[in-house]
Amino acid sequence: MSKRLLQSMSFILLAGVGLASPTVFADGGKLLATGAATSIEGSGGGGIVPWATTASYAEEGEWGVTVNANFADVEDFQLGVQSLNFTYDNRVEVSFAQQRLGLNTIGGDLKQDIFGVKVRLAGDLVYGDMPQLSVGLQHKRNQTYDLPAAVGAQDDSGTDFYFSAAKAWLAGPLDRIWVANYTLRATKANQLGLLGFGGDKNDSYDYVSEASLGMFVNRHWLVGVEYRQKPDNLGFAKEYDWRDVFVGWFPTKSVALVVAYVDLKSIAGLPDQTGAYASLQVSF
C-alpha cells in the first residue's frame, strides 16, 4: 500500500476521533447508500462526478459529517485527495478538499484546495416522481501555479458552478434498484484546476456534462459507470473526457468503500492514463 494512501487513511481515523459526539450527528433516517460517496473534489456523489444527493445520512433538523480519502494511480500520475464534508437538514452541504497530483514522469507535484457548497432545491432521490435537484459551486485555489502558468493557464483560481439531478428506482430493470445522476457544469478548470484556469485557446466558461449510472446487486453492493466531459483550454495538449467503471460497498451507514477502473485518456500530452481508483468514506 502506498505511503500517500496510508496518510489518507490516517486522516480519516484522526478526524473520526475528533468528531465523535453522538448528539450532533445524523441518527440514520435515510436509506443505506443514499448518502452516496465523496467525489475527488470533495462534494458528495460518485468518484469523478458530484451528485444531487447531499453527503452523509442527515435528515431534517440533523447534522451530518463525512471524512474521506480518495486515491488514483494511473500510468504517469498519482492523485491523492483528503476531504471533510458537513451537511445539515438534508438540504445544505459544505465541503473542503485538498488535492495533490504526483507527477511521476517529470517529478514534483501539483496541489490545490477546493471549497464547495451544495443546496438541494427540490425533489427526493427515492420518494415521489420528481428527481432530487441541487445546485452547487466549487471554488478552487491552485497552490502550485508556476507550471500551469508556463503551459498557458490564465488564472491560479476559479469557481465551477453546477446543476445536478438524481433519481433512484426501487423496482428497476432486472428487479434491481438503479440510480442515475446528471450534472451540468460551467467551468474554466484545466485538469480539475490542477493546471490552472482558462488558457491560451479559451478563457471563457465551458458547459460540460457529467453522468453516473449504477445498479445495486444487493442492498450493500453497487456497480456502475461514470462519464465526465472536460474543457479544452490549453494549446500545448488536448484535454480528454474521463470515464470509470466502479464497485461500491456500503457495509453500514458509517462506512463506504469504492474501487474503480479509470480511463483518463491523455493528460498533459502523456497518453494511456488508465489505472485504479479507491475511495474510503466514514460518516457520522
Foldseek 3Di string as FASTA:
>chain_A
DDPLVVVQVVVQVVVCVVPPDVVAAAPQPDAFCQLPAAEQQWAGDYDPDHALWHHARHAAAHKKKKWKWKWWDWDFKIKIKTKIWIDHNSFKIWMKMKIWIAGRPPGDIWIKIKTKMKGWDDDDQEDDDFWTKMKMKIKMATPDAPQLVVQFADARIDMKIKIKTKHWDCQDPPRWIKIKMKMKMWAQAAPNSSSHGAGPQGRGTDIWMKMKIWTAPDSFKIWIKIKTADDAGTDQDGFGIKMKTKMWGRPDSFKIKMKIWIFRADHSNRGRTIGMMIMIMGMD
